[in-house]
Protein backbone atom coordinates (compact mmCIF):
# COMPACT_ATOMS: atom_id res chain seq x y z
CA MET A 1 153.30 59.58 77.69
CA THR A 2 151.03 62.61 77.71
CA PRO A 3 150.85 64.08 74.20
CA GLU A 4 152.21 67.59 73.71
CA PRO A 5 149.54 70.31 74.07
CA LEU A 6 148.12 71.41 70.73
CA ARG A 7 148.84 75.08 69.97
CA LEU A 8 145.78 77.16 69.10
CA GLY A 9 146.60 80.42 67.35
CA THR A 10 144.32 83.34 68.21
CA ARG A 11 144.12 87.06 67.60
CA ARG A 12 145.00 88.91 70.80
CA SER A 13 141.75 90.87 71.12
CA GLN A 14 139.65 90.15 74.17
CA LEU A 15 136.83 88.68 72.08
CA ALA A 16 139.10 86.49 69.94
CA THR A 17 140.87 85.20 73.06
CA ALA A 18 137.55 84.46 74.79
CA GLN A 19 136.28 82.59 71.71
CA SER A 20 139.49 80.60 71.36
CA GLN A 21 139.52 79.68 75.05
CA MET A 22 135.92 78.42 74.76
CA VAL A 23 136.91 76.19 71.86
CA ALA A 24 140.08 75.00 73.61
CA ASP A 25 138.06 74.09 76.72
CA ALA A 26 135.52 72.21 74.59
CA TYR A 27 138.28 70.11 72.97
CA THR A 28 139.93 69.35 76.32
CA GLU A 29 136.58 68.38 77.82
CA ARG A 30 135.75 66.12 74.86
CA THR A 31 139.18 64.52 74.36
CA GLY A 32 141.34 65.17 77.44
CA ARG A 33 144.01 66.77 75.26
CA ALA A 34 145.64 69.94 76.59
CA ILE A 35 145.43 73.01 74.33
CA GLU A 36 147.56 76.12 74.73
CA LEU A 37 146.67 79.51 73.26
CA VAL A 38 149.27 81.33 71.15
CA GLY A 39 148.55 85.04 70.63
CA VAL A 40 149.09 86.42 67.12
CA THR A 41 148.87 90.07 66.12
CA THR A 42 147.22 90.54 62.72
CA PHE A 43 147.19 93.45 60.30
CA GLY A 44 143.50 93.93 60.99
CA ASP A 45 144.30 94.45 64.67
CA VAL A 46 146.93 97.16 64.21
CA THR A 47 145.64 99.21 61.28
CA LYS A 48 143.40 102.22 61.90
CA ALA A 49 141.66 102.05 58.53
CA HIS A 50 137.97 101.20 58.36
CA LEU A 51 137.33 97.54 57.62
CA ALA A 52 135.27 98.39 54.56
CA GLN A 53 138.37 100.08 53.06
CA LEU A 54 140.56 97.09 53.95
CA GLY A 55 138.45 94.79 51.85
CA GLY A 56 136.69 93.55 54.97
CA THR A 57 137.27 89.80 55.03
CA GLY A 58 140.74 88.33 55.29
CA VAL A 59 142.55 91.09 57.18
CA PHE A 60 142.43 89.12 60.45
CA VAL A 61 143.05 85.77 58.81
CA SER A 62 146.32 85.92 56.86
CA ALA A 63 148.67 86.25 59.86
CA LEU A 64 147.10 83.20 61.51
CA ARG A 65 147.39 81.25 58.25
CA ASP A 66 151.08 82.22 57.96
CA LYS A 67 151.68 80.72 61.43
CA LEU A 68 149.85 77.52 60.40
CA LEU A 69 152.10 77.19 57.33
CA ASP A 70 155.23 77.86 59.42
CA GLY A 71 154.19 75.16 61.88
CA GLU A 72 154.18 77.64 64.78
CA ILE A 73 150.55 76.77 65.60
CA ASP A 74 148.50 73.62 65.00
CA PHE A 75 145.11 75.24 64.42
CA ALA A 76 143.32 78.57 64.53
CA VAL A 77 139.87 79.76 65.54
CA HIS A 78 138.20 82.51 63.49
CA SER A 79 134.86 84.23 63.55
CA LEU A 80 133.43 82.62 60.42
CA LYS A 81 132.23 85.94 59.05
CA ASP A 82 135.90 87.12 58.94
CA LEU A 83 136.88 84.27 56.60
CA PRO A 84 136.97 84.89 52.83
CA THR A 85 134.31 82.78 51.08
CA LYS A 86 136.87 81.36 48.63
CA GLN A 87 138.52 78.45 50.41
CA ASP A 88 142.35 78.28 50.21
CA PRO A 89 143.22 74.65 49.33
CA ARG A 90 146.20 74.66 51.74
CA PHE A 91 143.79 74.86 54.68
CA THR A 92 140.64 73.08 55.76
CA LEU A 93 137.76 74.03 58.04
CA ALA A 94 138.14 70.99 60.28
CA ALA A 95 135.22 71.96 62.52
CA LEU A 96 132.33 74.38 62.60
CA PRO A 97 131.10 74.04 66.19
CA ALA A 98 127.41 74.52 66.99
CA ARG A 99 126.51 78.11 66.19
CA HIS A 100 125.81 80.67 68.89
CA ASP A 101 123.24 83.49 68.67
CA HIS A 102 123.19 84.79 65.08
CA ARG A 103 121.41 88.08 65.80
CA ASP A 104 122.49 91.71 66.14
CA ALA A 105 122.14 93.56 69.45
CA LEU A 106 121.56 97.19 70.42
CA ILE A 107 123.51 98.79 73.26
CA ALA A 108 121.59 101.92 74.22
CA PRO A 109 119.64 103.45 77.10
CA CYS A 110 116.36 102.43 75.41
CA LYS A 111 114.85 100.32 72.64
CA PHE A 112 115.66 101.19 69.00
CA ALA A 113 112.14 102.52 68.33
CA ASP A 114 112.47 104.87 71.33
CA LEU A 115 115.72 106.55 70.28
CA PRO A 116 115.00 110.25 69.68
CA PRO A 117 115.20 111.42 66.01
CA GLY A 118 118.74 112.44 65.10
CA SER A 119 120.33 110.02 67.60
CA ARG A 120 123.86 108.93 66.68
CA VAL A 121 124.17 105.17 66.21
CA GLY A 122 127.63 103.64 65.81
CA THR A 123 128.44 100.57 63.71
CA GLY A 124 131.35 99.50 61.51
CA SER A 125 129.11 97.46 59.22
CA PRO A 126 127.58 98.79 55.98
CA ARG A 127 125.03 95.92 56.25
CA ARG A 128 123.82 97.18 59.61
CA VAL A 129 123.75 100.81 58.44
CA ALA A 130 121.62 99.92 55.40
CA MET A 131 119.15 97.75 57.31
CA LEU A 132 118.88 100.15 60.25
CA SER A 133 118.34 103.04 57.81
CA ALA A 134 115.41 101.13 56.33
CA LEU A 135 113.87 100.94 59.83
CA ARG A 136 114.84 104.43 61.05
CA PRO A 137 116.02 106.82 58.29
CA ASP A 138 115.76 109.66 60.85
CA LEU A 139 118.84 108.53 62.80
CA GLU A 140 122.50 109.32 62.08
CA TYR A 141 124.75 106.30 61.49
CA VAL A 142 128.39 106.78 62.47
CA PRO A 143 131.19 104.42 61.29
CA ILE A 144 133.19 103.12 64.26
CA ARG A 145 136.02 100.67 64.85
CA GLY A 146 137.60 99.11 67.90
CA ASN A 147 136.79 96.23 70.20
CA ALA A 148 133.49 95.75 72.00
CA ASP A 149 134.72 97.55 75.14
CA THR A 150 135.75 100.61 73.13
CA ARG A 151 132.46 100.69 71.25
CA ILE A 152 130.28 100.28 74.35
CA SER A 153 132.24 102.97 76.19
CA ARG A 154 131.29 105.47 73.48
CA VAL A 155 127.65 105.03 74.53
CA THR A 156 128.33 105.20 78.27
CA SER A 157 130.47 108.33 77.72
CA GLY A 158 127.60 109.95 75.77
CA GLU A 159 129.65 110.35 72.59
CA LEU A 160 127.14 108.08 70.80
CA ASP A 161 123.51 107.33 71.63
CA ALA A 162 123.73 103.66 70.66
CA VAL A 163 125.95 101.03 69.07
CA VAL A 164 125.00 97.79 67.31
CA LEU A 165 127.15 94.68 67.85
CA ALA A 166 126.82 90.92 67.35
CA THR A 167 124.90 89.27 70.18
CA ALA A 168 127.23 86.24 70.13
CA GLY A 169 130.28 88.37 70.82
CA LEU A 170 128.59 90.17 73.71
CA ASN A 171 127.57 86.82 75.19
CA ARG A 172 131.13 85.47 74.85
CA LEU A 173 132.45 88.57 76.63
CA ARG A 174 129.76 88.17 79.34
CA ARG A 175 128.34 91.59 78.47
CA ALA A 176 124.81 90.40 77.61
CA ALA A 177 123.35 92.29 80.59
CA GLU A 178 124.07 95.55 78.74
CA ILE A 179 121.93 94.68 75.70
CA ALA A 180 118.86 96.93 75.34
CA GLN A 181 117.35 94.99 72.45
CA ILE A 182 118.10 92.01 70.22
CA PHE A 183 116.99 92.48 66.60
CA GLU A 184 115.05 89.59 65.11
CA VAL A 185 115.99 88.45 61.58
CA GLU A 186 112.82 90.08 60.19
CA GLU A 187 114.37 93.45 61.16
CA LEU A 188 118.08 92.85 60.63
CA LEU A 189 119.22 89.84 58.62
CA PRO A 190 122.64 88.84 59.98
CA ALA A 191 125.91 88.70 58.09
CA PRO A 192 126.50 85.27 56.47
CA GLY A 193 128.04 83.03 59.12
CA GLN A 194 127.39 85.43 62.00
CA GLY A 195 127.55 83.73 65.40
CA ALA A 196 129.52 80.76 64.02
CA LEU A 197 133.15 79.98 64.73
CA ALA A 198 135.51 78.24 62.31
CA VAL A 199 138.31 75.89 63.37
CA GLU A 200 140.96 75.90 60.65
CA CYS A 201 144.14 73.88 60.18
CA ARG A 202 146.49 72.76 57.42
CA ALA A 203 144.77 70.41 54.98
CA ASP A 204 147.79 68.05 54.83
CA LEU A 205 147.83 67.16 58.55
CA ALA A 206 145.30 64.33 58.58
CA ASP A 207 145.67 63.48 62.28
CA ILE A 208 144.97 67.07 63.36
CA VAL A 209 142.06 67.35 60.91
CA ALA A 210 140.58 64.17 62.41
CA PHE A 211 141.15 65.31 66.01
CA LEU A 212 139.52 68.70 65.41
CA GLY A 213 136.52 67.13 63.66
CA VAL A 214 134.98 65.99 66.98
CA LEU A 215 133.50 69.47 67.52
CA ASP A 216 131.94 69.76 64.06
CA ASP A 217 128.19 70.40 64.00
CA PRO A 218 126.69 69.22 60.67
CA ARG A 219 123.59 71.45 60.90
CA THR A 220 125.70 74.54 61.50
CA ARG A 221 127.96 73.51 58.62
CA SER A 222 125.11 73.17 56.11
CA ALA A 223 123.43 76.41 57.24
CA VAL A 224 126.53 78.56 56.95
CA ALA A 225 127.54 76.85 53.69
CA ALA A 226 124.26 78.07 52.16
CA GLU A 227 124.72 81.59 53.57
CA ARG A 228 128.30 81.83 52.35
CA ALA A 229 127.33 80.50 48.91
CA VAL A 230 124.89 83.41 48.55
CA LEU A 231 127.64 85.85 49.52
CA SER A 232 130.17 84.21 47.22
CA ALA A 233 127.79 84.31 44.24
CA LEU A 234 126.85 87.95 44.89
CA GLU A 235 130.39 89.13 45.64
CA ALA A 236 131.17 89.08 41.93
CA GLY A 237 129.46 92.45 41.62
CA CYS A 238 128.44 93.30 45.12
CA SER A 239 129.65 96.05 47.34
CA ALA A 240 126.11 96.53 48.64
CA PRO A 241 125.25 95.06 52.03
CA VAL A 242 124.30 91.38 52.07
CA GLY A 243 122.46 89.54 54.84
CA ALA A 244 121.76 85.81 54.89
CA TYR A 245 120.47 83.33 57.43
CA ALA A 246 119.76 79.61 57.13
CA VAL A 247 118.46 76.95 59.50
CA ASP A 248 118.91 73.20 59.04
CA ASP A 249 116.21 71.40 61.07
CA GLY A 250 117.66 67.98 60.23
CA HIS A 251 115.44 67.47 57.18
CA THR A 252 115.12 70.80 55.39
CA LEU A 253 117.42 73.76 54.98
CA ASN A 254 115.55 77.08 55.03
CA LEU A 255 117.49 80.05 53.67
CA THR A 256 116.65 83.76 53.51
CA ALA A 257 118.93 86.40 51.99
CA THR A 258 118.77 90.08 51.16
CA VAL A 259 120.74 92.75 49.35
CA VAL A 260 120.03 96.29 50.57
CA ALA A 261 120.88 99.62 48.99
CA LEU A 262 123.27 101.54 51.25
CA ASP A 263 120.64 104.19 52.03
CA GLY A 264 118.19 101.45 53.05
CA ARG A 265 115.55 102.61 50.57
CA GLU A 266 115.51 99.54 48.37
CA ALA A 267 116.10 95.87 49.01
CA VAL A 268 115.73 92.51 47.32
CA ARG A 269 114.84 89.77 49.81
CA LYS A 270 114.24 86.13 48.89
CA SER A 271 113.74 82.82 50.68
CA THR A 272 114.08 79.22 49.56
CA ALA A 273 114.23 75.73 51.04
CA GLY A 274 115.88 72.48 50.03
CA SER A 275 117.96 69.53 51.15
CA PRO A 276 120.83 70.27 53.58
CA SER A 277 123.11 68.21 51.34
CA GLU A 278 122.62 70.78 48.57
CA ALA A 279 123.47 73.79 50.74
CA ASP A 280 125.98 75.29 48.31
CA SER A 281 123.80 75.04 45.18
CA LEU A 282 120.77 76.26 47.17
CA GLY A 283 122.66 79.44 48.08
CA ARG A 284 123.90 79.97 44.53
CA ARG A 285 120.44 79.51 43.06
CA LEU A 286 118.95 82.01 45.50
CA ALA A 287 121.66 84.54 44.64
CA ALA A 288 120.87 84.09 40.93
CA GLU A 289 117.17 84.72 41.60
CA MET A 290 118.04 87.84 43.58
CA ILE A 291 120.18 89.13 40.72
CA SER A 292 117.34 88.51 38.27
CA GLU A 293 115.10 90.62 40.55
CA GLY A 294 117.49 93.55 40.49
CA ALA A 295 119.97 92.84 43.28
CA ASP A 296 122.80 93.55 40.87
CA ARG A 297 121.35 96.97 40.16
CA LEU A 298 121.39 97.79 43.87
CA MET A 299 124.97 96.57 43.87
CA GLY A 300 125.96 98.39 40.72
CA GLU A 301 125.03 101.73 42.23
CA HIS A 302 127.74 101.26 44.84
CA SER A 303 130.50 99.62 42.85
CA HIS A 304 132.12 102.81 41.58
């Protein structure tokens, strides 16, 4: 008897479908089990509001979680940075596959430094606006929404001079050839969890949890746990942009995080290192140090 295919719930966007198919193929290759994709439309996909107004995280996640609870799908694949940092006990992150490129990318006719003053740069992310403003306060940053295709077409049509997107997403869409520049973490610290995918299922289905676990990458898991702990600890008072990036080399976990004022003029940036097994407390401690150095003041200015 061939087991029934497992049903993988995915948002219908081109990027989400590409990511989910990659994960499905990896499971089939590793285990021989067939996986079928089930498209789900989420509130985040249909609303026209800016993500910052929607509360950012969670808008793409709840519809997929409803389908998990209803038993219409067996598991879901999310971009980790879309997932709220507070874990819902009804679900478990059964696998965090090896992370892809964590960096941000520029789509433009030239490098960032060569954009003429006053150029219009599109991004939907307050984090990117703040960090780019610190590098080039002479450019105009325009909030945009829509999928990667839509955003890139606004550059090719001349409506915008550049857009900034996640490198991982462009790679997954096979659009890497259009990248003019990849920002190193010294210039733009990524969003916590950027480039990582999360495989989520119901916590009470032990056999599915165990099956999905074969793709889990422990070093990715510890790195993003530290990044998300920083975000979680700062979120208490933080509407200012947060960047965090950690690397687990197998022995030591190195973590850097920053909080940036929205205009890019001030930032608190700190690094620390510790044992990968203490990823969560490492992130929380770093957040506490950042707050003691004034990160909360940068946040407070934006919380009204």
